[in-house]
Protein backbone atom coordinates (compact mmCIF):
# COMPACT_ATOMS: atom_id res chain seq x y z
CA UNK A 1 0.00 0.00 0.00
CA UNK A 2 1.40 3.37 -1.01
CA UNK A 3 2.09 5.79 1.82
CA UNK A 4 -0.20 8.82 1.89
CA UNK A 5 1.55 12.01 0.86
CA UNK A 6 2.05 14.75 3.43
CA UNK A 7 1.91 18.21 1.88
CA UNK A 8 3.66 21.20 3.42
CA UNK A 9 3.91 24.91 2.78
CA UNK A 10 7.05 26.10 1.04
CA UNK A 11 8.05 29.77 0.82
CA UNK A 12 11.13 30.96 -1.10
CA UNK A 13 13.04 34.24 -1.02
CA UNK A 14 16.26 35.67 -2.36
CA UNK A 15 18.41 37.26 0.36
CA UNK A 16 21.70 39.11 0.15
CA UNK A 17 24.59 38.44 2.52
CA UNK A 18 23.55 41.14 5.01
CA UNK A 19 19.99 39.78 5.23
CA UNK A 20 21.30 36.21 5.48
CA UNK A 21 23.66 37.14 8.30
CA UNK A 22 20.98 38.89 10.37
CA UNK A 23 18.39 36.12 9.91
CA UNK A 24 20.93 33.38 10.62
CA UNK A 25 22.03 35.05 13.86
CA UNK A 26 18.43 35.05 15.10
CA UNK A 27 17.71 31.49 13.95
CA UNK A 28 20.75 30.12 15.76
CA UNK A 29 19.15 31.22 19.02
CA UNK A 30 15.62 30.05 18.19
CA UNK A 31 16.15 26.76 16.34
CA UNK A 32 18.45 23.76 16.15
CA UNK A 33 20.80 23.16 13.26
CA UNK A 34 20.25 20.13 11.06
CA UNK A 35 21.87 17.06 12.61
CA UNK A 36 23.45 16.13 9.26
CA UNK A 37 25.46 19.35 9.08
CA UNK A 38 29.23 19.51 9.47
CA UNK A 39 31.11 21.66 12.00
CA UNK A 40 30.35 24.73 9.88
CA UNK A 41 26.61 23.96 10.02
CA UNK A 42 26.47 23.06 6.32
CA UNK A 43 26.25 20.10 3.97
CA UNK A 44 26.61 19.69 0.22
CA UNK A 45 23.75 18.67 -2.07
CA UNK A 46 24.10 17.50 -5.65
CA UNK A 47 21.03 16.52 -7.67
CA UNK A 48 20.49 15.22 -11.18
CA UNK A 49 17.14 16.46 -12.51
CA UNK A 50 15.15 14.58 -15.13
CA UNK A 51 12.69 15.83 -17.72
CA UNK A 52 10.78 14.26 -20.59
CA UNK A 53 10.83 14.70 -24.36
CA UNK A 54 8.64 17.81 -24.09
CA UNK A 55 10.61 19.30 -21.19
CA UNK A 56 7.33 19.15 -19.30
CA UNK A 57 8.71 19.97 -15.84
CA UNK A 58 10.55 23.00 -17.19
CA UNK A 59 7.67 24.27 -19.32
CA UNK A 60 5.10 23.88 -16.54
CA UNK A 61 7.31 25.71 -14.05
CA UNK A 62 7.92 28.57 -16.47
CA UNK A 63 4.21 28.65 -17.33
CA UNK A 64 3.14 28.89 -13.69
CA UNK A 65 1.20 25.62 -13.69
CA UNK A 66 0.07 25.06 -10.09
CA UNK A 67 -0.14 21.26 -10.08
CA UNK A 68 3.07 19.69 -11.31
CA UNK A 69 5.94 17.40 -10.37
CA UNK A 70 9.54 16.62 -11.22
CA UNK A 71 12.00 13.78 -10.71
CA UNK A 72 15.57 13.89 -9.45
CA UNK A 73 18.39 11.80 -8.06
CA UNK A 74 19.97 13.35 -4.97
CA UNK A 75 23.15 12.66 -3.03
CA UNK A 76 24.97 14.36 -0.19
CA UNK A 77 28.55 15.52 0.43
CA UNK A 78 29.71 14.01 -2.88
CA UNK A 79 29.28 10.52 -1.45
CA UNK A 80 27.44 7.50 -2.85
CA UNK A 81 26.62 6.21 0.64
CA UNK A 82 23.09 7.63 0.42
CA UNK A 83 21.45 8.12 -2.97
CA UNK A 84 17.74 8.87 -3.30
CA UNK A 85 15.49 8.95 -6.30
CA UNK A 86 12.85 11.56 -5.54
CA UNK A 87 9.61 12.96 -6.92
CA UNK A 88 8.75 16.47 -5.80
CA UNK A 89 5.05 17.26 -6.13
CA UNK A 90 3.38 20.68 -6.08
CA UNK A 91 -0.35 21.16 -5.52
CA UNK A 92 -1.30 24.83 -5.55
CA UNK A 93 0.88 26.36 -2.81
CA UNK A 94 1.73 23.06 -1.10
CA UNK A 95 4.56 20.62 -1.77
CA UNK A 96 5.23 16.97 -0.97
CA UNK A 97 8.06 14.59 -1.70
CA UNK A 98 8.30 10.88 -2.39
CA UNK A 99 11.69 9.23 -2.25
CA UNK A 100 13.30 5.82 -2.35
CA UNK A 101 16.92 4.78 -1.77
CA UNK A 102 18.76 3.41 -4.80
CA UNK A 103 22.22 1.94 -5.23
CA UNK A 104 25.14 3.51 -7.08
CA UNK A 105 24.75 0.81 -9.75
CA UNK A 106 21.08 1.66 -10.33
CA UNK A 107 21.94 5.35 -10.53
CA UNK A 108 24.73 4.74 -13.01
CA UNK A 109 22.44 2.71 -15.26
CA UNK A 110 19.67 5.32 -15.15
CA UNK A 111 22.15 8.02 -16.15
CA UNK A 112 22.85 6.12 -19.39
CA UNK A 113 19.10 5.60 -19.89
CA UNK A 114 19.17 1.89 -19.03
CA UNK A 115 15.77 1.96 -17.34
CA UNK A 116 15.45 -1.83 -17.59
CA UNK A 117 17.17 -1.87 -14.20
CA UNK A 118 13.81 -0.73 -12.73
CA UNK A 119 11.63 -3.23 -14.60
CA UNK A 120 11.14 -5.58 -11.66
CA UNK A 121 11.21 -3.08 -8.80
CA UNK A 122 8.34 -3.22 -6.32
CA UNK A 123 8.53 0.44 -5.31
CA UNK A 124 5.60 2.38 -6.87
CA UNK A 125 7.91 5.35 -7.42
CA UNK A 126 10.52 3.28 -9.24
CA UNK A 127 7.76 1.66 -11.31
CA UNK A 128 6.55 5.16 -12.21
CA UNK A 129 10.02 6.30 -13.26
CA UNK A 130 10.42 3.13 -15.35
CA UNK A 131 7.17 3.94 -17.15
CA UNK A 132 8.18 7.59 -17.66
CA UNK A 133 11.61 6.69 -19.04
CA UNK A 134 10.19 4.02 -21.34
CA UNK A 135 7.09 5.83 -22.61
CA UNK A 136 7.73 9.56 -22.18
CA UNK A 137 11.49 9.48 -22.75
CA UNK A 138 12.23 10.87 -19.30
CA UNK A 139 15.97 11.60 -19.29
CA UNK A 140 18.62 13.14 -17.00
CA UNK A 141 18.97 16.79 -17.95
CA UNK A 142 21.13 18.82 -15.58
CA UNK A 143 23.13 18.73 -12.37
CA UNK A 144 22.15 21.20 -9.64
CA UNK A 145 24.81 21.74 -7.00
CA UNK A 146 24.83 23.86 -3.82
CA UNK A 147 25.70 24.19 -0.14
CA UNK A 148 22.83 24.07 2.37
CA UNK A 149 22.60 25.50 5.87
CA UNK A 150 19.49 24.18 7.62
CA UNK A 151 17.58 24.89 10.84
CA UNK A 152 14.74 22.81 12.30
CA UNK A 153 12.04 23.18 14.95
CA UNK A 154 9.65 20.49 16.15
CA UNK A 155 6.88 23.01 16.78
CA UNK A 156 4.94 23.27 13.54
CA UNK A 157 7.51 20.96 11.90
CA UNK A 158 9.37 24.00 10.59
CA UNK A 159 12.50 23.70 8.46
CA UNK A 160 14.40 26.77 7.28
CA UNK A 161 17.28 26.52 4.85
CA UNK A 162 19.79 28.81 3.16
CA UNK A 163 21.05 27.45 -0.15
CA UNK A 164 24.39 28.96 -1.13
CA UNK A 165 26.77 28.91 -4.08
CA UNK A 166 24.23 27.51 -6.54
CA UNK A 167 26.06 25.87 -9.44
CA UNK A 168 25.18 23.91 -12.54
CA UNK A 169 26.96 21.00 -14.17
CA UNK A 170 26.15 22.46 -17.59
CA UNK A 171 25.56 19.51 -19.92
CA UNK A 172 27.20 16.89 -17.72
CA UNK A 173 24.81 14.55 -15.91
CA UNK A 174 27.10 12.19 -13.96
CA UNK A 175 27.52 13.58 -10.41
CA UNK A 176 30.78 11.63 -10.02
CA UNK A 177 32.30 12.64 -13.35
CA UNK A 178 35.98 13.49 -12.77
CA UNK A 179 35.66 16.24 -15.38
CA UNK A 180 32.66 17.83 -13.66
CA UNK A 181 33.42 21.41 -12.66
CA UNK A 182 30.10 23.09 -11.77
CA UNK A 183 29.86 26.78 -12.65
CA UNK A 184 27.98 29.52 -10.84
CA UNK A 185 24.30 29.66 -11.83
CA UNK A 186 23.32 33.02 -10.35
CA UNK A 187 24.67 36.35 -11.55
CA UNK A 188 23.93 38.10 -8.26
CA UNK A 189 25.62 37.18 -4.94
CA UNK A 190 22.39 36.01 -3.29
CA UNK A 191 21.24 33.03 -1.26
CA UNK A 192 17.95 31.19 -1.57
CA UNK A 193 15.99 31.18 1.70
CA UNK A 194 13.36 28.43 1.95
CA UNK A 195 10.78 28.20 4.74
CA UNK A 196 8.90 24.90 5.00
CA UNK A 197 6.21 24.13 7.55
CA UNK A 198 3.07 22.08 8.13
CA UNK A 199 0.06 24.01 9.47
CA UNK A 200 1.70 27.11 10.91
CA UNK A 201 4.94 28.95 11.73
CA UNK A 202 5.25 29.61 15.48
CA UNK A 203 5.26 33.32 16.29
CA UNK A 204 8.74 33.25 17.80
CA UNK A 205 10.16 31.90 14.53
CA UNK A 206 8.06 34.28 12.43
CA UNK A 207 9.39 37.18 14.50
CA UNK A 208 12.93 35.91 14.08
CA UNK A 209 12.59 35.61 10.32
CA UNK A 210 11.11 39.09 9.84
CA UNK A 211 10.00 38.27 6.30
CA UNK A 212 7.87 41.37 5.84
CA UNK A 213 10.57 43.17 3.89
CA UNK A 214 11.20 40.24 1.54
CA UNK A 215 9.30 39.36 -1.60
CA UNK A 216 8.38 35.74 -2.30
CA UNK A 217 10.09 34.26 -5.35
CA UNK A 218 9.66 31.18 -7.51
CA UNK A 219 13.43 30.50 -7.16
CA UNK A 220 13.43 27.09 -8.84
CA UNK A 221 17.01 25.84 -8.74
CA UNK A 222 16.19 23.43 -11.58
CA UNK A 223 14.88 26.21 -13.84
CA UNK A 224 17.83 28.47 -13.01
CA UNK A 225 20.31 25.75 -13.95
CA UNK A 226 18.45 24.64 -17.09
CA UNK A 227 19.00 28.05 -18.69
CA UNK A 228 22.61 26.96 -19.23
CA UNK A 229 21.58 23.90 -21.28
CA UNK A 230 19.78 23.54 -24.58
CA UNK A 231 16.57 23.91 -22.64
CA UNK A 232 14.15 24.09 -25.52
CA UNK A 233 15.51 21.32 -27.67
CA UNK A 234 15.48 17.56 -27.32
CA UNK A 235 18.90 15.96 -27.03
CA UNK A 236 18.90 12.19 -27.33
CA UNK A 237 21.53 11.66 -24.72
């Protein structure tokens, strides 16, 4: 039986270094840092995003379609110890995520479009990706690479992150490629602030964030990084 999805609110903002510094100083008092962070309070995320023959995920995001989804493979700190295949789902202003652990071998085969490796998988998500790769020509498109600083609070299940040094792998799709040298994806020296929560943000966190002066943004890291690829053409990789 497939697990019921849990949708959450997700708010995104661009912040400059001064805004980041002030917000971070307040959050360090109010919230706990993510347990997966290193001594600097950060960890590295590298994702390979997929899209189909029509670039559906990209086109729907750019077109402002409210109900949409996208697929990605995600790993942490440039290690293959933990690799997840994920589906991020958006319904109006809410988001949810499905994920399943995969091996390095499965990832490597998917990156060369050998989706037969998923043919006998029991996971509904892996079955779905198999169908999409076979019938809609879902293919790996771009690497999205950044450093994350995360804060968590049990009350309201709040998670606040700063994503820094956003980079793209250009047309490379293997996250372990020795010739992969991600380049900066944003022209301006800004960070992406994301605020995720269930039903509410506790007042003490809301006061600490002081978001009134910030304007909500779409800030899709996938869309930002796709502008460096042949986004509107189909490459049979």
